[in-house]
Amino acid sequence: MKKAILCVMLIFFFSVCVSPLFAEDTTYANVSFPQWVKDLRRTEIITFGSLPFVTLWTTVGYSLAVKGEFHSPVDKSSSGFDTDDQKAIIGIAAATSVGLGLIDLGITLIRRHIKAKQNRNLRPDEVTIIPLSQEKKEREKNARAETYDPSSEPQIPQDYLQGGLESAIF
């Protein structure tokens, strides 16, 4: 009994106290993965994450469609499915889960393509940077050069003013 307690204490000591001293530093700062790796990981998460739920609903649907009656997928006491039925249910569920993952991947790629296309259309082809001091000088120069010309203002028709005045009075 004393040997068992001693072994447990030694295992605890080495796992908690000594092991962190020899462990590698596994902190990855500023790790950047390519976009296709992130997309593949998202597809994998959606595929495997949806598998239990899809399997549950596939079992219910299969029992209603093929067997013609409801067999509870949770009830272990009465299994109404033989081996071929179980293989069919697993195959349908797996194919549906992979389909969901690929549909999500397609939607994500299409959205990204549309967004990139919109950004390309919004960006000007050429950008000219003018220093602020030069812009002020040009504005002052243009302001001095401009003179007031009354003929350049738009002319308002006389009957428009009279009609507006009459409707305001009456």
C-alpha atoms as a PDB file:
ATOM      1  CA  MET A   1       0.000   0.000   0.000  1.00  0.00           C
ATOM      2  CA  LYS A   2       2.866   2.329   0.846  1.00  0.00           C
ATOM      3  CA  LYS A   3       4.445   1.614  -2.559  1.00  0.00           C
ATOM      4  CA  ALA A   4       1.228   2.570  -4.367  1.00  0.00           C
ATOM      5  CA  ILE A   5       0.989   5.851  -2.479  1.00  0.00           C
ATOM      6  CA  LEU A   6       4.669   6.530  -3.167  1.00  0.00           C
ATOM      7  CA  CYS A   7       4.152   5.838  -6.907  1.00  0.00           C
ATOM      8  CA  VAL A   8       1.150   8.187  -7.051  1.00  0.00           C
ATOM      9  CA  MET A   9       3.124  10.904  -5.274  1.00  0.00           C
ATOM     10  CA  LEU A  10       6.106  10.494  -7.623  1.00  0.00           C
ATOM     11  CA  ILE A  11       3.864  10.621 -10.692  1.00  0.00           C
ATOM     12  CA  PHE A  12       2.160  13.737  -9.327  1.00  0.00           C
ATOM     13  CA  PHE A  13       5.506  15.365  -8.518  1.00  0.00           C
ATOM     14  CA  PHE A  14       6.979  14.709 -11.968  1.00  0.00           C
ATOM     15  CA  SER A  15       3.848  15.715 -13.857  1.00  0.00           C
ATOM     16  CA  VAL A  16       3.192  18.929 -11.937  1.00  0.00           C
ATOM     17  CA  CYS A  17       6.600  20.143 -10.775  1.00  0.00           C
ATOM     18  CA  VAL A  18       9.326  18.794 -13.041  1.00  0.00           C
ATOM     19  CA  SER A  19       7.627  18.476 -16.407  1.00  0.00           C
ATOM     20  CA  PRO A  20       6.991  22.230 -16.952  1.00  0.00           C
ATOM     21  CA  LEU A  21      10.722  22.869 -16.532  1.00  0.00           C
ATOM     22  CA  PHE A  22      11.528  20.852 -19.638  1.00  0.00           C
ATOM     23  CA  ALA A  23       8.517  21.789 -21.711  1.00  0.00           C
ATOM     24  CA  GLU A  24       8.987  23.709 -24.930  1.00  0.00           C
ATOM     25  CA  ASP A  25       7.580  27.154 -25.361  1.00  0.00           C
ATOM     26  CA  THR A  26       4.583  26.554 -27.595  1.00  0.00           C
ATOM     27  CA  THR A  27       3.240  30.088 -27.773  1.00  0.00           C
ATOM     28  CA  TYR A  28       2.931  31.125 -31.380  1.00  0.00           C
ATOM     29  CA  ALA A  29       2.785  34.854 -31.684  1.00  0.00           C
ATOM     30  CA  ASN A  30       1.700  36.369 -34.965  1.00  0.00           C
ATOM     31  CA  VAL A  31       1.108  33.065 -36.724  1.00  0.00           C
ATOM     32  CA  SER A  32      -0.723  33.716 -39.944  1.00  0.00           C
ATOM     33  CA  PHE A  33      -2.252  30.879 -41.891  1.00  0.00           C
ATOM     34  CA  PRO A  34      -3.180  31.113 -45.570  1.00  0.00           C
ATOM     35  CA  GLN A  35      -6.843  31.751 -46.320  1.00  0.00           C
ATOM     36  CA  TRP A  36      -7.381  28.342 -47.914  1.00  0.00           C
ATOM     37  CA  VAL A  37      -6.293  26.657 -44.662  1.00  0.00           C
ATOM     38  CA  LYS A  38      -8.808  28.727 -42.689  1.00  0.00           C
ATOM     39  CA  ASP A  39     -11.525  27.850 -45.224  1.00  0.00           C
ATOM     40  CA  LEU A  40     -10.659  24.162 -45.052  1.00  0.00           C
ATOM     41  CA  ARG A  41     -10.757  24.242 -41.251  1.00  0.00           C
ATOM     42  CA  ARG A  42     -14.170  25.966 -41.284  1.00  0.00           C
ATOM     43  CA  THR A  43     -15.500  23.341 -43.705  1.00  0.00           C
ATOM     44  CA  GLU A  44     -14.163  20.566 -41.468  1.00  0.00           C
ATOM     45  CA  ILE A  45     -15.757  22.066 -38.358  1.00  0.00           C
ATOM     46  CA  ILE A  46     -19.132  22.465 -40.047  1.00  0.00           C
ATOM     47  CA  THR A  47     -19.002  18.956 -41.525  1.00  0.00           C
ATOM     48  CA  PHE A  48     -18.109  17.140 -38.313  1.00  0.00           C
ATOM     49  CA  GLY A  49     -20.136  19.481 -36.115  1.00  0.00           C
ATOM     50  CA  SER A  50     -23.324  18.861 -38.039  1.00  0.00           C
ATOM     51  CA  LEU A  51     -22.875  15.072 -38.202  1.00  0.00           C
ATOM     52  CA  PRO A  52     -24.620  14.191 -34.876  1.00  0.00           C
ATOM     53  CA  PHE A  53     -27.645  16.361 -35.635  1.00  0.00           C
ATOM     54  CA  VAL A  54     -27.894  15.220 -39.224  1.00  0.00           C
ATOM     55  CA  THR A  55     -27.623  11.592 -38.094  1.00  0.00           C
ATOM     56  CA  LEU A  56     -30.449  12.087 -35.612  1.00  0.00           C
ATOM     57  CA  TRP A  57     -32.775  13.624 -38.188  1.00  0.00           C
ATOM     58  CA  THR A  58     -31.733  11.126 -40.854  1.00  0.00           C
ATOM     59  CA  THR A  59     -32.678   8.293 -38.487  1.00  0.00           C
ATOM     60  CA  VAL A  60     -36.085   9.832 -37.869  1.00  0.00           C
ATOM     61  CA  GLY A  61     -36.653  10.487 -41.569  1.00  0.00           C
ATOM     62  CA  TYR A  62     -35.433   7.035 -42.597  1.00  0.00           C
ATOM     63  CA  SER A  63     -37.699   5.309 -40.102  1.00  0.00           C
ATOM     64  CA  LEU A  64     -40.721   7.260 -41.323  1.00  0.00           C
ATOM     65  CA  ALA A  65     -39.941   6.983 -45.033  1.00  0.00           C
ATOM     66  CA  VAL A  66     -38.629   3.410 -45.325  1.00  0.00           C
ATOM     67  CA  LYS A  67     -40.102   1.601 -42.338  1.00  0.00           C
ATOM     68  CA  GLY A  68     -43.370   3.505 -42.348  1.00  0.00           C
ATOM     69  CA  GLU A  69     -43.378   3.966 -38.591  1.00  0.00           C
ATOM     70  CA  PHE A  70     -41.494   5.994 -36.028  1.00  0.00           C
ATOM     71  CA  HIS A  71     -38.510   4.292 -34.391  1.00  0.00           C
ATOM     72  CA  SER A  72     -36.932   6.373 -31.654  1.00  0.00           C
ATOM     73  CA  PRO A  73     -33.192   6.769 -32.306  1.00  0.00           C
ATOM     74  CA  VAL A  74     -32.598   7.250 -28.582  1.00  0.00           C
ATOM     75  CA  ASP A  75     -34.403   4.110 -27.400  1.00  0.00           C
ATOM     76  CA  LYS A  76     -31.884   1.260 -27.008  1.00  0.00           C
ATOM     77  CA  SER A  77     -34.373  -1.390 -25.917  1.00  0.00           C
ATOM     78  CA  SER A  78     -36.080  -1.900 -29.251  1.00  0.00           C
ATOM     79  CA  SER A  79     -33.803  -1.528 -32.234  1.00  0.00           C
ATOM     80  CA  GLY A  80     -35.917  -1.499 -35.358  1.00  0.00           C
ATOM     81  CA  PHE A  81     -32.935  -1.167 -37.709  1.00  0.00           C
ATOM     82  CA  ASP A  82     -30.846  -4.019 -39.049  1.00  0.00           C
ATOM     83  CA  THR A  83     -27.230  -3.678 -40.207  1.00  0.00           C
ATOM     84  CA  ASP A  84     -28.126  -2.600 -43.754  1.00  0.00           C
ATOM     85  CA  ASP A  85     -30.471   0.081 -42.428  1.00  0.00           C
ATOM     86  CA  GLN A  86     -27.786   1.390 -40.096  1.00  0.00           C
ATOM     87  CA  LYS A  87     -25.238   1.532 -42.933  1.00  0.00           C
ATOM     88  CA  ALA A  88     -27.725   3.422 -45.088  1.00  0.00           C
ATOM     89  CA  ILE A  89     -28.486   5.897 -42.286  1.00  0.00           C
ATOM     90  CA  ILE A  90     -24.772   6.513 -41.615  1.00  0.00           C
ATOM     91  CA  GLY A  91     -24.055   6.921 -45.348  1.00  0.00           C
ATOM     92  CA  ILE A  92     -26.912   9.374 -45.873  1.00  0.00           C
ATOM     93  CA  ALA A  93     -25.942  11.361 -42.764  1.00  0.00           C
ATOM     94  CA  ALA A  94     -22.263  11.500 -43.758  1.00  0.00           C
ATOM     95  CA  ALA A  95     -23.081  12.595 -47.314  1.00  0.00           C
ATOM     96  CA  THR A  96     -25.479  15.263 -46.024  1.00  0.00           C
ATOM     97  CA  SER A  97     -22.895  16.588 -43.538  1.00  0.00           C
ATOM     98  CA  VAL A  98     -20.215  16.778 -46.242  1.00  0.00           C
ATOM     99  CA  GLY A  99     -22.748  18.508 -48.477  1.00  0.00           C
ATOM    100  CA  LEU A 100     -23.480  21.083 -45.785  1.00  0.00           C
ATOM    101  CA  GLY A 101     -19.778  21.768 -45.320  1.00  0.00           C
ATOM    102  CA  LEU A 102     -19.208  22.161 -49.073  1.00  0.00           C
ATOM    103  CA  ILE A 103     -22.267  24.403 -49.481  1.00  0.00           C
ATOM    104  CA  ASP A 104     -20.941  26.652 -46.702  1.00  0.00           C
ATOM    105  CA  LEU A 105     -17.519  26.696 -48.362  1.00  0.00           C
ATOM    106  CA  GLY A 106     -19.098  27.670 -51.684  1.00  0.00           C
ATOM    107  CA  ILE A 107     -21.156  30.455 -50.118  1.00  0.00           C
ATOM    108  CA  THR A 108     -18.082  31.776 -48.299  1.00  0.00           C
ATOM    109  CA  LEU A 109     -15.967  31.781 -51.467  1.00  0.00           C
ATOM    110  CA  ILE A 110     -18.695  33.471 -53.524  1.00  0.00           C
ATOM    111  CA  ARG A 111     -19.198  36.169 -50.877  1.00  0.00           C
ATOM    112  CA  ARG A 112     -15.456  36.804 -50.703  1.00  0.00           C
ATOM    113  CA  HIS A 113     -15.238  37.020 -54.511  1.00  0.00           C
ATOM    114  CA  ILE A 114     -18.134  39.510 -54.690  1.00  0.00           C
ATOM    115  CA  LYS A 115     -16.629  41.630 -51.901  1.00  0.00           C
ATOM    116  CA  ALA A 116     -13.213  41.673 -53.614  1.00  0.00           C
ATOM    117  CA  LYS A 117     -14.847  42.634 -56.908  1.00  0.00           C
ATOM    118  CA  GLN A 118     -16.712  45.511 -55.240  1.00  0.00           C
ATOM    119  CA  ASN A 119     -13.495  46.695 -53.581  1.00  0.00           C
ATOM    120  CA  ARG A 120     -11.693  46.607 -56.934  1.00  0.00           C
ATOM    121  CA  ASN A 121     -14.443  48.715 -58.494  1.00  0.00           C
ATOM    122  CA  LEU A 122     -14.363  51.257 -55.669  1.00  0.00           C
ATOM    123  CA  ARG A 123     -10.619  51.791 -55.726  1.00  0.00           C
ATOM    124  CA  PRO A 124      -9.404  54.472 -58.095  1.00  0.00           C
ATOM    125  CA  ASP A 125      -6.763  53.417 -60.572  1.00  0.00           C
ATOM    126  CA  GLU A 126      -4.519  56.349 -59.809  1.00  0.00           C
ATOM    127  CA  VAL A 127      -4.079  58.279 -56.585  1.00  0.00           C
ATOM    128  CA  THR A 128      -2.402  61.664 -56.584  1.00  0.00           C
ATOM    129  CA  ILE A 129      -1.148  63.028 -53.289  1.00  0.00           C
ATOM    130  CA  ILE A 130      -0.867  66.789 -53.077  1.00  0.00           C
ATOM    131  CA  PRO A 131       0.907  68.355 -50.101  1.00  0.00           C
ATOM    132  CA  LEU A 132      -1.329  70.577 -48.004  1.00  0.00           C
ATOM    133  CA  SER A 133       0.898  73.651 -48.432  1.00  0.00           C
ATOM    134  CA  GLN A 134       0.761  73.352 -52.229  1.00  0.00           C
ATOM    135  CA  GLU A 135      -3.018  72.920 -52.165  1.00  0.00           C
ATOM    136  CA  LYS A 136      -3.436  76.092 -50.073  1.00  0.00           C
ATOM    137  CA  LYS A 137      -1.279  78.053 -52.518  1.00  0.00           C
ATOM    138  CA  GLU A 138      -3.318  76.836 -55.480  1.00  0.00           C
ATOM    139  CA  ARG A 139      -6.600  77.718 -53.742  1.00  0.00           C
ATOM    140  CA  GLU A 140      -5.387  81.233 -52.952  1.00  0.00           C
ATOM    141  CA  LYS A 141      -4.175  81.655 -56.510  1.00  0.00           C
ATOM    142  CA  ASN A 142      -7.519  80.528 -57.931  1.00  0.00           C
ATOM    143  CA  ALA A 143      -9.446  82.745 -55.494  1.00  0.00           C
ATOM    144  CA  ARG A 144      -7.519  85.837 -56.634  1.00  0.00           C
ATOM    145  CA  ALA A 145      -8.012  84.963 -60.272  1.00  0.00           C
ATOM    146  CA  GLU A 146     -11.768  84.583 -59.982  1.00  0.00           C
ATOM    147  CA  THR A 147     -13.884  87.682 -60.290  1.00  0.00           C
ATOM    148  CA  TYR A 148     -17.549  88.042 -59.730  1.00  0.00           C
ATOM    149  CA  ASP A 149     -19.605  87.801 -62.909  1.00  0.00           C
ATOM    150  CA  PRO A 150     -23.351  88.385 -62.380  1.00  0.00           C
ATOM    151  CA  SER A 151     -24.230  86.930 -65.775  1.00  0.00           C
ATOM    152  CA  SER A 152     -22.875  83.558 -64.691  1.00  0.00           C
ATOM    153  CA  GLU A 153     -25.572  83.137 -62.024  1.00  0.00           C
ATOM    154  CA  PRO A 154     -28.696  81.220 -63.044  1.00  0.00           C
ATOM    155  CA  GLN A 155     -31.662  83.428 -63.935  1.00  0.00           C
ATOM    156  CA  ILE A 156     -34.985  82.741 -62.233  1.00  0.00           C
ATOM    157  CA  PRO A 157     -38.024  83.324 -64.481  1.00  0.00           C
ATOM    158  CA  GLN A 158     -40.151  86.295 -63.481  1.00  0.00           C
ATOM    159  CA  ASP A 159     -43.460  84.436 -63.706  1.00  0.00           C
ATOM    160  CA  TYR A 160     -42.132  81.813 -61.294  1.00  0.00           C
ATOM    161  CA  LEU A 161     -41.620  84.462 -58.646  1.00  0.00           C
ATOM    162  CA  GLN A 162     -45.033  85.993 -59.195  1.00  0.00           C
ATOM    163  CA  GLY A 163     -46.789  82.608 -59.011  1.00  0.00           C
ATOM    164  CA  GLY A 164     -44.969  81.779 -55.826  1.00  0.00           C
ATOM    165  CA  LEU A 165     -45.880  85.135 -54.308  1.00  0.00           C
ATOM    166  CA  GLU A 166     -49.534  84.754 -55.228  1.00  0.00           C
ATOM    167  CA  SER A 167     -49.753  81.279 -53.761  1.00  0.00           C
ATOM    168  CA  ALA A 168     -48.116  82.558 -50.577  1.00  0.00           C
ATOM    169  CA  ILE A 169     -50.635  85.405 -50.240  1.00  0.00           C
ATOM    170  CA  PHE A 170     -53.799  83.484 -51.075  1.00  0.00           C
END
